[in-house]
Protein backbone atom coordinates (compact mmCIF):
# COMPACT_ATOMS: atom_id res chain seq x y z
CA MET A 1 -18.81 -9.58 -21.26
CA ALA A 2 -16.02 -12.14 -20.95
CA PRO A 3 -13.18 -12.16 -23.47
CA ALA A 4 -13.16 -14.94 -26.07
CA THR A 5 -10.21 -16.63 -24.41
CA PRO A 6 -8.76 -16.21 -20.92
CA PRO A 7 -5.41 -14.41 -20.75
CA GLN A 8 -2.38 -16.67 -20.62
CA THR A 9 0.49 -16.00 -18.23
CA LEU A 10 3.87 -17.49 -19.01
CA ALA A 11 7.00 -17.44 -16.90
CA PRO A 12 10.01 -15.81 -18.58
CA PRO A 13 12.73 -18.18 -19.82
CA ARG A 14 15.37 -18.99 -17.24
CA PRO A 15 18.81 -20.63 -17.26
CA PRO A 16 19.01 -24.31 -16.20
CA PRO A 17 18.73 -24.61 -12.41
CA PRO A 18 21.73 -25.71 -10.35
CA ALA A 19 21.81 -29.26 -8.97
CA GLN A 20 19.61 -29.58 -5.89
CA PRO A 21 19.72 -31.92 -2.89
CA THR A 22 17.15 -34.73 -2.96
CA ALA A 23 15.46 -36.94 -0.37
CA PRO A 24 13.42 -40.10 -1.03
CA GLU A 25 10.50 -38.92 1.12
CA GLY A 26 10.21 -35.56 -0.70
CA HIS A 27 7.66 -34.49 -3.27
CA ARG A 28 8.09 -35.89 -6.77
CA ASP A 29 6.71 -32.78 -8.47
CA ALA A 30 6.04 -29.08 -7.88
CA VAL A 31 5.03 -27.94 -4.38
CA VAL A 32 1.95 -25.78 -5.01
CA TRP A 33 0.65 -25.23 -1.46
CA LEU A 34 2.10 -24.68 2.01
CA ALA A 35 0.30 -24.25 5.33
CA VAL A 36 1.74 -23.83 8.83
CA SER A 37 -0.03 -25.26 11.89
CA ALA A 38 -1.36 -22.90 14.56
CA ASP A 39 1.36 -23.99 17.01
CA GLY A 40 4.02 -23.36 14.36
CA HIS A 41 5.55 -26.83 14.60
CA GLN A 42 4.19 -28.45 11.44
CA ILE A 43 3.96 -27.72 7.72
CA MET A 44 1.45 -29.28 5.35
CA SER A 45 2.24 -29.33 1.64
CA ALA A 46 0.29 -30.18 -1.52
CA SER A 47 1.84 -31.07 -4.84
CA THR A 48 1.14 -31.82 -8.47
CA ASP A 49 2.36 -35.34 -7.56
CA ARG A 50 -1.13 -35.65 -5.92
CA MET A 51 0.36 -36.13 -2.44
CA ILE A 52 -0.39 -34.29 0.80
CA LYS A 53 2.57 -34.42 3.19
CA LEU A 54 2.90 -33.43 6.86
CA TRP A 55 6.31 -32.20 8.04
CA ASP A 56 7.93 -31.53 11.41
CA ILE A 57 9.62 -28.11 11.18
CA ASP A 58 11.68 -28.44 14.38
CA GLY A 59 12.87 -31.98 13.67
CA LYS A 60 13.23 -31.30 9.92
CA ARG A 61 11.59 -34.59 9.02
CA LEU A 62 8.56 -36.01 7.26
CA ILE A 63 5.93 -36.98 9.81
CA ARG A 64 3.75 -38.86 7.28
CA ASP A 65 2.19 -38.89 3.86
CA LEU A 66 -1.19 -37.60 4.94
CA GLY A 67 -3.10 -38.69 1.85
CA VAL A 68 -3.32 -38.73 -1.91
CA HIS A 69 -5.76 -37.22 -4.38
CA LYS A 70 -6.82 -38.81 -7.66
CA ASP A 71 -5.46 -35.77 -9.53
CA MET A 72 -3.24 -32.78 -8.78
CA ALA A 73 -3.53 -31.66 -5.13
CA ARG A 74 -4.14 -27.90 -4.83
CA SER A 75 -4.88 -27.04 -1.20
CA ALA A 76 -4.14 -28.42 2.27
CA LEU A 77 -5.44 -26.56 5.30
CA PHE A 78 -5.20 -27.18 9.03
CA MET A 79 -8.61 -27.19 10.71
CA PRO A 80 -8.96 -24.90 13.75
CA ASP A 81 -9.38 -27.96 16.02
CA GLY A 82 -5.70 -28.81 15.44
CA ARG A 83 -6.58 -32.49 14.92
CA SER A 84 -7.69 -32.58 11.29
CA ALA A 85 -6.99 -31.15 7.84
CA LEU A 86 -9.05 -30.28 4.80
CA THR A 87 -7.45 -31.00 1.43
CA ALA A 88 -8.63 -30.53 -2.16
CA GLY A 89 -7.56 -31.00 -5.74
CA ASP A 90 -8.38 -31.25 -9.40
CA ASP A 91 -10.27 -34.50 -8.74
CA GLY A 92 -13.12 -32.36 -7.38
CA GLU A 93 -12.91 -33.89 -3.91
CA ILE A 94 -12.57 -32.00 -0.64
CA VAL A 95 -11.33 -34.46 1.97
CA LEU A 96 -11.42 -34.10 5.76
CA ARG A 97 -8.48 -36.08 7.15
CA GLN A 98 -7.27 -36.93 10.61
CA LEU A 99 -3.78 -35.52 11.19
CA SER A 100 -2.68 -38.31 13.51
CA ASP A 101 -2.82 -41.03 10.84
CA GLY A 102 -4.41 -39.61 7.67
CA THR A 103 -7.73 -41.41 8.22
CA VAL A 104 -10.43 -40.01 5.91
CA LEU A 105 -13.26 -38.62 8.03
CA HIS A 106 -15.44 -37.24 5.23
CA VAL A 107 -15.33 -36.62 1.48
CA PHE A 108 -17.18 -33.65 0.00
CA SER A 109 -17.74 -34.19 -3.74
CA SER A 110 -17.89 -31.17 -6.03
CA GLY A 111 -19.86 -33.03 -8.68
CA ALA A 112 -20.62 -30.93 -11.75
CA ASN A 113 -18.80 -27.95 -10.23
CA GLY A 114 -15.51 -29.59 -11.25
CA GLY A 115 -11.97 -29.48 -9.91
CA VAL A 116 -11.18 -27.48 -6.78
CA ARG A 117 -8.66 -24.76 -7.63
CA GLN A 118 -8.79 -22.91 -4.29
CA LEU A 119 -10.09 -23.70 -0.82
CA LYS A 120 -10.38 -21.74 2.42
CA ILE A 121 -11.88 -22.44 5.86
CA SER A 122 -13.72 -19.94 8.05
CA PRO A 123 -11.86 -19.05 11.27
CA ASP A 124 -14.39 -20.97 13.41
CA GLY A 125 -14.05 -24.07 11.23
CA LYS A 126 -17.77 -24.26 10.48
CA LEU A 127 -17.70 -23.26 6.81
CA ALA A 128 -15.42 -23.73 3.81
CA VAL A 129 -15.45 -21.95 0.46
CA SER A 130 -14.12 -23.62 -2.67
CA GLY A 131 -13.42 -22.09 -6.06
CA HIS A 132 -13.72 -24.36 -9.10
CA ASP A 133 -12.42 -24.67 -12.64
CA THR A 134 -16.01 -24.23 -13.90
CA GLY A 135 -16.18 -20.75 -12.33
CA SER A 136 -18.48 -21.90 -9.52
CA VAL A 137 -17.96 -20.86 -5.90
CA VAL A 138 -19.31 -23.36 -3.37
CA VAL A 139 -19.99 -22.72 0.33
CA TRP A 140 -19.84 -25.87 2.45
CA ASP A 141 -21.31 -26.53 5.89
CA LEU A 142 -18.46 -28.56 7.38
CA GLN A 143 -20.42 -29.56 10.47
CA LYS A 144 -23.33 -31.04 8.52
CA GLY A 145 -21.21 -32.23 5.60
CA THR A 146 -23.46 -30.51 3.09
CA VAL A 147 -23.50 -27.74 0.48
CA LEU A 148 -24.82 -24.44 1.83
CA HIS A 149 -24.68 -22.43 -1.43
CA VAL A 150 -23.49 -22.80 -5.02
CA LEU A 151 -22.61 -19.35 -6.36
CA PRO A 152 -22.24 -19.47 -10.18
CA GLY A 153 -20.63 -16.08 -10.49
CA HIS A 154 -17.40 -16.33 -12.50
CA ASP A 155 -17.14 -16.75 -16.28
CA TRP A 156 -13.71 -18.38 -15.98
CA SER A 157 -11.90 -20.72 -13.61
CA VAL A 158 -11.65 -19.44 -10.02
CA SER A 159 -8.01 -18.77 -9.14
CA SER A 160 -8.23 -17.30 -5.63
CA VAL A 161 -10.43 -17.51 -2.54
CA ALA A 162 -10.23 -15.69 0.80
CA ILE A 163 -12.62 -15.65 3.78
CA SER A 164 -13.03 -12.60 6.01
CA PRO A 165 -11.91 -12.79 9.67
CA ASP A 166 -15.55 -12.78 10.84
CA GLY A 167 -16.37 -15.70 8.53
CA ALA A 168 -19.26 -13.84 6.88
CA ARG A 169 -17.78 -12.86 3.51
CA ALA A 170 -15.54 -14.30 0.85
CA LEU A 171 -13.43 -12.69 -1.85
CA THR A 172 -12.87 -14.68 -5.04
CA GLY A 173 -10.86 -13.98 -8.17
CA SER A 174 -10.78 -15.66 -11.56
CA ILE A 175 -8.26 -16.08 -14.38
CA ASP A 176 -9.79 -13.14 -16.28
CA GLY A 177 -8.92 -10.76 -13.40
CA GLU A 178 -12.48 -10.37 -12.13
CA LEU A 179 -12.89 -10.05 -8.35
CA LYS A 180 -16.11 -10.74 -6.46
CA LEU A 181 -17.16 -10.17 -2.86
CA TRP A 182 -19.80 -12.51 -1.41
CA ASP A 183 -22.02 -12.74 1.63
CA ILE A 184 -21.41 -16.46 2.17
CA LEU A 185 -24.07 -16.84 4.86
CA ALA A 186 -26.83 -15.47 2.65
CA GLY A 187 -25.30 -16.80 -0.58
CA LYS A 188 -25.40 -13.36 -2.19
CA GLN A 189 -22.94 -11.46 -4.38
CA LEU A 190 -22.14 -8.07 -2.88
CA ARG A 191 -19.87 -6.66 -5.56
CA SER A 192 -18.01 -7.56 -8.75
CA TRP A 193 -15.18 -5.52 -10.24
CA HIS A 194 -12.33 -5.93 -12.70
CA GLY A 195 -9.38 -5.87 -10.34
CA HIS A 196 -6.57 -7.05 -12.61
CA ASP A 197 -5.71 -7.17 -16.29
CA ARG A 198 -4.96 -10.89 -15.94
CA GLY A 199 -5.70 -13.70 -13.48
CA ALA A 200 -6.12 -12.85 -9.79
CA TYR A 201 -4.22 -15.11 -7.38
CA GLY A 202 -3.44 -15.49 -3.68
CA ALA A 203 -6.25 -13.38 -2.19
CA VAL A 204 -5.81 -12.60 1.53
CA PHE A 205 -8.02 -10.58 3.90
CA LEU A 206 -6.38 -8.22 6.37
CA ALA A 207 -7.27 -8.55 10.06
CA ASP A 208 -9.62 -5.53 9.94
CA GLY A 209 -11.90 -7.34 7.48
CA HIS A 210 -12.19 -4.18 5.39
CA HIS A 211 -9.11 -4.65 3.24
CA ALA A 212 -7.72 -7.48 1.11
CA VAL A 213 -4.67 -8.12 -1.03
CA THR A 214 -4.56 -9.86 -4.42
CA GLY A 215 -1.72 -10.90 -6.72
CA SER A 216 -1.98 -11.26 -10.46
CA GLY A 217 -0.83 -12.37 -13.87
CA ASP A 218 -0.36 -8.67 -14.61
CA TYR A 219 2.65 -8.93 -12.21
CA THR A 220 1.11 -6.57 -9.64
CA ILE A 221 -0.03 -6.97 -6.05
CA LYS A 222 -2.91 -4.70 -5.02
CA LEU A 223 -4.31 -3.68 -1.65
CA TRP A 224 -8.08 -3.09 -1.84
CA ASP A 225 -10.46 -1.09 0.34
CA LEU A 226 -13.53 -3.36 0.46
CA ASP A 227 -15.80 -0.54 1.60
CA THR A 228 -15.09 1.61 -1.46
CA PHE A 229 -13.66 -1.12 -3.77
CA LYS A 230 -10.80 1.20 -4.62
CA GLU A 231 -7.13 0.31 -4.93
CA VAL A 232 -5.28 1.66 -1.89
CA ARG A 233 -1.72 0.57 -2.61
CA ARG A 234 0.28 -1.31 -5.21
CA PHE A 235 3.32 -3.51 -4.64
CA ASP A 236 5.46 -3.47 -7.79
CA GLY A 237 8.58 -5.49 -8.50
CA HIS A 238 7.74 -8.96 -9.80
CA SER A 239 8.36 -9.72 -13.48
CA GLY A 240 6.04 -12.72 -13.67
CA THR A 241 2.65 -13.85 -12.36
CA VAL A 242 2.28 -13.32 -8.61
CA TYR A 243 0.90 -16.75 -7.82
CA ALA A 244 0.58 -16.84 -4.02
CA LEU A 245 0.45 -14.43 -1.09
CA ALA A 246 0.75 -14.80 2.69
CA LEU A 247 0.32 -12.30 5.50
CA SER A 248 2.58 -12.40 8.56
CA ALA A 249 1.04 -13.08 11.97
CA GLU A 250 1.25 -9.43 13.03
CA GLY A 251 -0.13 -8.28 9.66
CA LYS A 252 2.76 -5.91 8.94
CA ARG A 253 4.51 -7.95 6.23
CA LEU A 254 3.30 -9.60 3.04
CA GLY A 255 5.02 -12.57 1.42
CA SER A 256 4.68 -13.20 -2.31
CA ALA A 257 5.65 -16.06 -4.63
CA SER A 258 5.96 -15.63 -8.37
CA LEU A 259 6.45 -17.45 -11.63
CA ASP A 260 9.43 -15.11 -12.16
CA GLY A 261 11.28 -17.47 -9.79
CA THR A 262 11.45 -15.09 -6.84
CA ALA A 263 9.76 -14.71 -3.49
CA ARG A 264 9.55 -11.35 -1.76
CA ILE A 265 8.61 -9.74 1.52
CA TRP A 266 6.82 -6.38 1.49
CA ASN A 267 6.02 -3.70 4.05
CA MET A 268 2.23 -3.60 4.23
CA ASP A 269 2.12 0.00 5.46
CA THR A 270 4.30 1.50 2.71
CA GLY A 271 4.33 -1.00 -0.13
CA ALA A 272 8.14 -1.05 -0.03
CA GLU A 273 10.03 -4.27 -0.73
CA ILE A 274 11.84 -5.57 2.36
CA ALA A 275 13.60 -8.57 0.81
CA GLU A 276 13.88 -10.53 -2.44
CA PHE A 277 14.80 -14.22 -2.61
CA ASP A 278 15.88 -16.00 -5.79
CA PRO A 279 16.91 -19.67 -5.49
CA GLY A 280 17.55 -19.80 -9.25
CA THR A 281 15.38 -22.88 -9.64
CA GLY A 282 12.35 -21.62 -11.59
CA PRO A 283 8.77 -20.70 -10.72
CA ILE A 284 7.71 -20.49 -7.07
CA TYR A 285 4.09 -21.47 -6.44
CA SER A 286 3.54 -21.40 -2.68
CA VAL A 287 4.45 -19.21 0.26
CA ALA A 288 3.78 -19.10 4.02
CA PHE A 289 5.23 -17.44 7.11
CA ALA A 290 6.77 -19.69 9.76
CA ALA A 291 6.12 -19.00 13.44
CA ASP A 292 9.53 -17.32 13.78
CA GLY A 293 8.72 -14.83 11.00
CA THR A 294 10.87 -16.49 8.34
CA LEU A 295 9.38 -17.14 4.89
CA LEU A 296 8.66 -20.62 3.55
CA THR A 297 8.41 -21.29 -0.18
CA GLY A 298 7.66 -24.22 -2.46
CA GLY A 299 8.00 -24.41 -6.20
CA ILE A 300 8.75 -26.28 -9.38
CA ASP A 301 12.03 -27.67 -7.97
CA ARG A 302 10.00 -29.88 -5.53
CA THR A 303 11.67 -28.41 -2.43
CA ILE A 304 10.40 -26.49 0.58
CA ARG A 305 12.78 -23.66 1.51
CA ASN A 306 13.16 -21.33 4.47
CA TRP A 307 14.25 -17.68 3.98
CA PRO A 308 15.45 -15.18 6.63
CA ALA A 309 12.94 -12.45 7.45
CA ALA A 310 15.36 -9.60 6.74
CA GLY A 311 16.75 -11.07 3.51
CA GLY A 312 19.72 -13.25 2.64
CA GLU A 313 20.39 -16.80 1.60
CA GLY A 314 17.75 -19.45 2.16
CA THR A 315 18.09 -23.09 3.16
CA VAL A 316 16.44 -26.23 1.82
CA LEU A 317 14.18 -27.33 4.67
CA PHE A 318 12.75 -30.39 2.88
CA ALA A 319 14.29 -31.59 -0.37
CA GLY A 320 12.35 -33.04 -3.28
CA ALA A 321 12.48 -36.69 -4.31
CA PRO A 322 15.08 -37.82 -6.86
CA GLN A 323 13.82 -37.58 -10.44
């Protein structure tokens, strides 16, 4: 039975941030999503300013404003074809856009399922899974442009979605800490368990398809065995909600972003912390690994930063717009 009210997670108070560089083409509000293209040359970002932006990593420049949502943008994903992107937000729309000029190719409307809090694409690009503020999980057939399944499984807003490497299963988490594993082809729930004491965020499958990692409002990161549904390992260190996770290309390192204002890199095999980064600018909401193994972060300060893989001082890759 669900609690009367969902748990609330607040970031600890912090001193005023130092003055930051600004750029007119930068985001005007928090950067809540980062994705790196398959060739490693581009970053896509989503923000509470409703904008989706496409950046050139090598040239350190804005390529274009890719599009805008009617409400807060939450997700921006490169399609496997390398020519298009799928973006989503609180307006309940999932938009297929052409990368070359931002042309809208298709709009998937969530309807009564509400705002899209999380979105993931299957590795073959045929399916997408969206998690909604109503608790619904929707499986989309991207080729036909239709809904494959609506899975009304969660009692609270969905806060994380991951799709298995074989594209057959999805892991979802909600703001009450409940985790669910789905057969997305059959539209069937395989398992539900209480994984965290507070909201579950940033779910990521490991390459073997039998393990996944989740972050949480209980400040922990947990590695799960999806055959036994037991906790295998815990990554402790954050003092605020672990809001986003990213796995390195070789699968040996885990990146985390937290409302405690830090980002960290962890050893997946041991659970040990490799590096901690603290820009001193408040909550960090998004994290991704660049092609060279460095860590990218975005947060409340509107900037996108790059951090060395072994630890040390980061650099502002793309500054936020003047306020």
